[in-house]
């Protein structure tokens, strides 16, 4: 069956596509991103999008071709997003902030940093270290697990714990800022050492 549109109510067909193509798409995404976890996330996003758009999506070529093109495009978007985060970090680290020209904006940014630092101090030591390595050093869960000699599942659990704690402590605006900025707190490494 070449059109997903025909399978609006057929969850089984989409599940079949998932099991049939996930591994090869993951391998393909890995060749582009060079990160196992990111490659898995990208392929899962492709299938989520396929499911969400199943009622309006018509695939004119083969499903296989569509999935490869979608995976390729998701990988490129992921790389672009990574570059944007890096740009924001570099601007922050150098003291340059686009659009923060007024005193009020500088004060607001300083308040955000203080709130995040205070919240991170409340995290348990190991939890804070894992969060820092993931969000500020951009290390994959596998890299963190290997570096700290712990399992990937432990890293996942500690990241989940850190995010739950920070989401509870931080205001919505500050938590959002932390999640999209990732690298914006240059003084944070003092907390780990």
C-alpha atoms as a PDB file:
ATOM      1  CA  UNK A   1       0.000   0.000   0.000  1.00  0.00           C
ATOM      2  CA  UNK A   2       1.631   3.214  -1.133  1.00  0.00           C
ATOM      3  CA  UNK A   3      -0.625   5.854   0.341  1.00  0.00           C
ATOM      4  CA  UNK A   4      -0.802   6.385   4.046  1.00  0.00           C
ATOM      5  CA  UNK A   5      -4.066   8.209   3.401  1.00  0.00           C
ATOM      6  CA  UNK A   6      -5.681   4.831   2.703  1.00  0.00           C
ATOM      7  CA  UNK A   7      -4.759   3.718   6.198  1.00  0.00           C
ATOM      8  CA  UNK A   8      -6.478   6.467   8.189  1.00  0.00           C
ATOM      9  CA  UNK A   9      -7.916   3.931  10.568  1.00  0.00           C
ATOM     10  CA  UNK A  10      -5.245   1.290  10.115  1.00  0.00           C
ATOM     11  CA  UNK A  11      -2.822   1.718  12.964  1.00  0.00           C
ATOM     12  CA  UNK A  12      -1.451  -1.699  12.096  1.00  0.00           C
ATOM     13  CA  UNK A  13      -0.075  -0.518   8.760  1.00  0.00           C
ATOM     14  CA  UNK A  14       1.811   2.364  10.361  1.00  0.00           C
ATOM     15  CA  UNK A  15       3.099  -0.002  13.021  1.00  0.00           C
ATOM     16  CA  UNK A  16       4.282  -2.326  10.249  1.00  0.00           C
ATOM     17  CA  UNK A  17       6.152   0.572   8.598  1.00  0.00           C
ATOM     18  CA  UNK A  18       7.737   1.417  11.934  1.00  0.00           C
ATOM     19  CA  UNK A  19       9.028  -2.115  12.531  1.00  0.00           C
ATOM     20  CA  UNK A  20      10.074  -2.550   8.909  1.00  0.00           C
ATOM     21  CA  UNK A  21      11.963   0.737   8.487  1.00  0.00           C
ATOM     22  CA  UNK A  22      13.048   1.949  11.927  1.00  0.00           C
ATOM     23  CA  UNK A  23      16.476   0.273  11.994  1.00  0.00           C
ATOM     24  CA  UNK A  24      17.507   1.252   8.461  1.00  0.00           C
ATOM     25  CA  UNK A  25      16.309   4.827   8.994  1.00  0.00           C
ATOM     26  CA  UNK A  26      18.132   4.964  12.323  1.00  0.00           C
ATOM     27  CA  UNK A  27      21.336   3.820  10.609  1.00  0.00           C
ATOM     28  CA  UNK A  28      20.840   6.430   7.893  1.00  0.00           C
ATOM     29  CA  UNK A  29      20.192   9.210  10.436  1.00  0.00           C
ATOM     30  CA  UNK A  30      23.260   8.128  12.405  1.00  0.00           C
ATOM     31  CA  UNK A  31      25.463   8.557   9.327  1.00  0.00           C
ATOM     32  CA  UNK A  32      24.323  12.172   9.155  1.00  0.00           C
ATOM     33  CA  UNK A  33      24.179  13.119  12.861  1.00  0.00           C
ATOM     34  CA  UNK A  34      26.942  10.903  14.276  1.00  0.00           C
ATOM     35  CA  UNK A  35      24.948  10.507  17.506  1.00  0.00           C
ATOM     36  CA  UNK A  36      22.946   7.393  18.312  1.00  0.00           C
ATOM     37  CA  UNK A  37      20.390   9.053  20.610  1.00  0.00           C
ATOM     38  CA  UNK A  38      19.809  11.983  18.277  1.00  0.00           C
ATOM     39  CA  UNK A  39      19.362   9.580  15.345  1.00  0.00           C
ATOM     40  CA  UNK A  40      16.721   7.627  17.283  1.00  0.00           C
ATOM     41  CA  UNK A  41      14.933  10.841  18.223  1.00  0.00           C
ATOM     42  CA  UNK A  42      14.872  11.983  14.600  1.00  0.00           C
ATOM     43  CA  UNK A  43      13.433   8.697  13.317  1.00  0.00           C
ATOM     44  CA  UNK A  44      10.819   8.670  16.067  1.00  0.00           C
ATOM     45  CA  UNK A  45       9.876  12.220  15.058  1.00  0.00           C
ATOM     46  CA  UNK A  46       9.467  11.118  11.447  1.00  0.00           C
ATOM     47  CA  UNK A  47       7.046   8.384  12.478  1.00  0.00           C
ATOM     48  CA  UNK A  48       5.192  10.707  14.848  1.00  0.00           C
ATOM     49  CA  UNK A  49       4.745  13.191  12.020  1.00  0.00           C
ATOM     50  CA  UNK A  50       3.596  10.400   9.720  1.00  0.00           C
ATOM     51  CA  UNK A  51       0.981   9.396  12.287  1.00  0.00           C
ATOM     52  CA  UNK A  52      -0.161  12.961  12.933  1.00  0.00           C
ATOM     53  CA  UNK A  53      -0.525  13.765   9.233  1.00  0.00           C
ATOM     54  CA  UNK A  54      -1.900  10.381   8.138  1.00  0.00           C
ATOM     55  CA  UNK A  55      -5.335  11.757   7.258  1.00  0.00           C
ATOM     56  CA  UNK A  56      -4.063  14.483   4.931  1.00  0.00           C
ATOM     57  CA  UNK A  57      -0.825  12.960   3.692  1.00  0.00           C
ATOM     58  CA  UNK A  58      -0.648  11.378   0.247  1.00  0.00           C
ATOM     59  CA  UNK A  59       2.578   9.636  -0.632  1.00  0.00           C
ATOM     60  CA  UNK A  60       3.019   9.634  -4.398  1.00  0.00           C
ATOM     61  CA  UNK A  61       6.211   7.590  -4.443  1.00  0.00           C
ATOM     62  CA  UNK A  62       7.002   4.601  -2.303  1.00  0.00           C
ATOM     63  CA  UNK A  63       6.653   4.794   1.478  1.00  0.00           C
ATOM     64  CA  UNK A  64      10.318   3.832   1.731  1.00  0.00           C
ATOM     65  CA  UNK A  65      11.377   6.837  -0.383  1.00  0.00           C
ATOM     66  CA  UNK A  66       9.135   9.152   1.598  1.00  0.00           C
ATOM     67  CA  UNK A  67      10.585   7.936   4.910  1.00  0.00           C
ATOM     68  CA  UNK A  68      14.178   8.374   3.734  1.00  0.00           C
ATOM     69  CA  UNK A  69      13.525  11.906   2.483  1.00  0.00           C
ATOM     70  CA  UNK A  70      11.648  12.798   5.683  1.00  0.00           C
ATOM     71  CA  UNK A  71      14.488  11.391   7.810  1.00  0.00           C
ATOM     72  CA  UNK A  72      17.056  13.334   5.794  1.00  0.00           C
ATOM     73  CA  UNK A  73      15.076  16.574   6.207  1.00  0.00           C
ATOM     74  CA  UNK A  74      14.587  16.004   9.952  1.00  0.00           C
ATOM     75  CA  UNK A  75      18.351  15.443  10.314  1.00  0.00           C
ATOM     76  CA  UNK A  76      19.109  18.692   8.494  1.00  0.00           C
ATOM     77  CA  UNK A  77      16.625  20.549  10.719  1.00  0.00           C
ATOM     78  CA  UNK A  78      18.240  19.013  13.789  1.00  0.00           C
ATOM     79  CA  UNK A  79      21.698  20.145  12.670  1.00  0.00           C
ATOM     80  CA  UNK A  80      20.356  23.635  11.974  1.00  0.00           C
ATOM     81  CA  UNK A  81      18.780  23.743  15.432  1.00  0.00           C
ATOM     82  CA  UNK A  82      22.075  22.631  16.977  1.00  0.00           C
ATOM     83  CA  UNK A  83      23.909  25.448  15.151  1.00  0.00           C
ATOM     84  CA  UNK A  84      21.368  28.021  16.339  1.00  0.00           C
ATOM     85  CA  UNK A  85      21.789  26.871  19.948  1.00  0.00           C
ATOM     86  CA  UNK A  86      25.572  27.110  19.547  1.00  0.00           C
ATOM     87  CA  UNK A  87      25.230  30.641  18.114  1.00  0.00           C
ATOM     88  CA  UNK A  88      23.114  31.725  21.081  1.00  0.00           C
ATOM     89  CA  UNK A  89      25.641  30.250  23.472  1.00  0.00           C
ATOM     90  CA  UNK A  90      28.548  31.984  21.741  1.00  0.00           C
ATOM     91  CA  UNK A  91      26.698  35.308  21.837  1.00  0.00           C
ATOM     92  CA  UNK A  92      25.925  34.879  25.489  1.00  0.00           C
ATOM     93  CA  UNK A  93      29.442  33.784  26.409  1.00  0.00           C
ATOM     94  CA  UNK A  94      30.934  36.781  24.627  1.00  0.00           C
ATOM     95  CA  UNK A  95      28.464  39.166  26.240  1.00  0.00           C
ATOM     96  CA  UNK A  96      26.716  39.995  22.956  1.00  0.00           C
ATOM     97  CA  UNK A  97      22.964  39.637  23.045  1.00  0.00           C
ATOM     98  CA  UNK A  98      20.817  40.352  20.024  1.00  0.00           C
ATOM     99  CA  UNK A  99      17.904  42.505  20.967  1.00  0.00           C
ATOM    100  CA  UNK A 100      19.007  43.151  24.548  1.00  0.00           C
ATOM    101  CA  UNK A 101      19.935  46.756  24.219  1.00  0.00           C
ATOM    102  CA  UNK A 102      17.912  48.327  26.989  1.00  0.00           C
ATOM    103  CA  UNK A 103      18.792  48.324  30.658  1.00  0.00           C
ATOM    104  CA  UNK A 104      15.500  46.597  31.421  1.00  0.00           C
ATOM    105  CA  UNK A 105      16.366  43.697  29.087  1.00  0.00           C
ATOM    106  CA  UNK A 106      19.828  43.293  30.639  1.00  0.00           C
ATOM    107  CA  UNK A 107      18.296  43.190  34.117  1.00  0.00           C
ATOM    108  CA  UNK A 108      15.734  40.609  32.994  1.00  0.00           C
ATOM    109  CA  UNK A 109      18.479  38.399  31.547  1.00  0.00           C
ATOM    110  CA  UNK A 110      20.528  38.694  34.742  1.00  0.00           C
ATOM    111  CA  UNK A 111      17.441  37.724  36.777  1.00  0.00           C
ATOM    112  CA  UNK A 112      16.899  34.668  34.575  1.00  0.00           C
ATOM    113  CA  UNK A 113      20.501  33.565  35.135  1.00  0.00           C
ATOM    114  CA  UNK A 114      20.201  34.008  38.904  1.00  0.00           C
ATOM    115  CA  UNK A 115      16.965  32.015  38.993  1.00  0.00           C
ATOM    116  CA  UNK A 116      18.492  29.153  36.990  1.00  0.00           C
ATOM    117  CA  UNK A 117      21.668  29.058  39.093  1.00  0.00           C
ATOM    118  CA  UNK A 118      19.650  28.979  42.301  1.00  0.00           C
ATOM    119  CA  UNK A 119      17.448  26.185  40.973  1.00  0.00           C
ATOM    120  CA  UNK A 120      20.425  24.122  39.802  1.00  0.00           C
ATOM    121  CA  UNK A 121      21.988  24.376  43.256  1.00  0.00           C
ATOM    122  CA  UNK A 122      18.966  22.484  44.606  1.00  0.00           C
ATOM    123  CA  UNK A 123      19.651  19.458  42.404  1.00  0.00           C
ATOM    124  CA  UNK A 124      21.451  16.505  43.994  1.00  0.00           C
ATOM    125  CA  UNK A 125      25.141  16.487  43.035  1.00  0.00           C
ATOM    126  CA  UNK A 126      25.067  13.552  40.595  1.00  0.00           C
ATOM    127  CA  UNK A 127      21.809  14.781  39.063  1.00  0.00           C
ATOM    128  CA  UNK A 128      23.267  18.282  38.579  1.00  0.00           C
ATOM    129  CA  UNK A 129      26.453  16.878  37.045  1.00  0.00           C
ATOM    130  CA  UNK A 130      24.531  14.749  34.539  1.00  0.00           C
ATOM    131  CA  UNK A 131      22.200  17.633  33.653  1.00  0.00           C
ATOM    132  CA  UNK A 132      25.181  19.934  33.125  1.00  0.00           C
ATOM    133  CA  UNK A 133      26.986  17.440  30.890  1.00  0.00           C
ATOM    134  CA  UNK A 134      23.873  16.882  28.793  1.00  0.00           C
ATOM    135  CA  UNK A 135      22.580  20.432  28.445  1.00  0.00           C
ATOM    136  CA  UNK A 136      25.725  22.534  28.683  1.00  0.00           C
ATOM    137  CA  UNK A 137      28.446  20.278  27.318  1.00  0.00           C
ATOM    138  CA  UNK A 138      26.057  18.771  24.703  1.00  0.00           C
ATOM    139  CA  UNK A 139      27.123  15.230  25.503  1.00  0.00           C
ATOM    140  CA  UNK A 140      24.899  12.328  24.560  1.00  0.00           C
ATOM    141  CA  UNK A 141      23.493  10.059  27.239  1.00  0.00           C
ATOM    142  CA  UNK A 142      25.864   7.312  26.059  1.00  0.00           C
ATOM    143  CA  UNK A 143      28.896   9.609  26.393  1.00  0.00           C
ATOM    144  CA  UNK A 144      27.827  10.661  29.889  1.00  0.00           C
ATOM    145  CA  UNK A 145      27.233   7.053  30.931  1.00  0.00           C
ATOM    146  CA  UNK A 146      30.675   6.027  29.696  1.00  0.00           C
ATOM    147  CA  UNK A 147      32.414   9.019  31.288  1.00  0.00           C
ATOM    148  CA  UNK A 148      30.753   8.477  34.688  1.00  0.00           C
ATOM    149  CA  UNK A 149      30.849   4.678  34.480  1.00  0.00           C
ATOM    150  CA  UNK A 150      27.083   4.320  34.870  1.00  0.00           C
ATOM    151  CA  UNK A 151      24.320   2.917  32.665  1.00  0.00           C
ATOM    152  CA  UNK A 152      22.469   4.938  30.040  1.00  0.00           C
ATOM    153  CA  UNK A 153      19.250   4.146  31.947  1.00  0.00           C
ATOM    154  CA  UNK A 154      20.728   5.833  35.032  1.00  0.00           C
ATOM    155  CA  UNK A 155      21.564   8.908  32.953  1.00  0.00           C
ATOM    156  CA  UNK A 156      18.015   8.964  31.557  1.00  0.00           C
ATOM    157  CA  UNK A 157      16.545   8.651  35.055  1.00  0.00           C
ATOM    158  CA  UNK A 158      18.752  11.428  36.448  1.00  0.00           C
ATOM    159  CA  UNK A 159      17.904  13.737  33.525  1.00  0.00           C
ATOM    160  CA  UNK A 160      14.216  13.093  34.056  1.00  0.00           C
ATOM    161  CA  UNK A 161      14.622  13.874  37.742  1.00  0.00           C
ATOM    162  CA  UNK A 162      16.545  17.092  36.994  1.00  0.00           C
ATOM    163  CA  UNK A 163      13.929  18.297  34.529  1.00  0.00           C
ATOM    164  CA  UNK A 164      11.078  17.530  36.946  1.00  0.00           C
ATOM    165  CA  UNK A 165      12.803  19.437  39.752  1.00  0.00           C
ATOM    166  CA  UNK A 166      13.716  22.408  37.557  1.00  0.00           C
ATOM    167  CA  UNK A 167      10.247  22.557  36.003  1.00  0.00           C
ATOM    168  CA  UNK A 168       8.771  22.702  39.521  1.00  0.00           C
ATOM    169  CA  UNK A 169      11.166  25.346  40.829  1.00  0.00           C
ATOM    170  CA  UNK A 170      11.535  27.627  37.818  1.00  0.00           C
ATOM    171  CA  UNK A 171       8.865  29.905  36.429  1.00  0.00           C
ATOM    172  CA  UNK A 172       7.496  28.830  33.054  1.00  0.00           C
ATOM    173  CA  UNK A 173       9.395  31.561  31.231  1.00  0.00           C
ATOM    174  CA  UNK A 174      12.700  30.738  32.913  1.00  0.00           C
ATOM    175  CA  UNK A 175      12.350  26.984  32.366  1.00  0.00           C
ATOM    176  CA  UNK A 176      11.585  27.587  28.677  1.00  0.00           C
ATOM    177  CA  UNK A 177      14.595  29.902  28.406  1.00  0.00           C
ATOM    178  CA  UNK A 178      16.822  27.231  29.988  1.00  0.00           C
ATOM    179  CA  UNK A 179      15.574  24.502  27.648  1.00  0.00           C
ATOM    180  CA  UNK A 180      16.100  26.480  24.434  1.00  0.00           C
ATOM    181  CA  UNK A 181      19.325  28.140  25.445  1.00  0.00           C
ATOM    182  CA  UNK A 182      21.157  25.089  26.786  1.00  0.00           C
ATOM    183  CA  UNK A 183      24.577  26.698  27.032  1.00  0.00           C
ATOM    184  CA  UNK A 184      23.811  30.111  28.342  1.00  0.00           C
ATOM    185  CA  UNK A 185      25.239  29.868  31.824  1.00  0.00           C
ATOM    186  CA  UNK A 186      28.983  30.195  31.666  1.00  0.00           C
ATOM    187  CA  UNK A 187      29.436  30.311  35.431  1.00  0.00           C
ATOM    188  CA  UNK A 188      27.607  27.060  36.006  1.00  0.00           C
ATOM    189  CA  UNK A 189      30.682  24.837  35.900  1.00  0.00           C
ATOM    190  CA  UNK A 190      31.586  26.201  39.353  1.00  0.00           C
ATOM    191  CA  UNK A 191      28.635  24.236  40.716  1.00  0.00           C
ATOM    192  CA  UNK A 192      30.084  20.905  39.619  1.00  0.00           C
ATOM    193  CA  UNK A 193      33.659  21.322  40.706  1.00  0.00           C
END
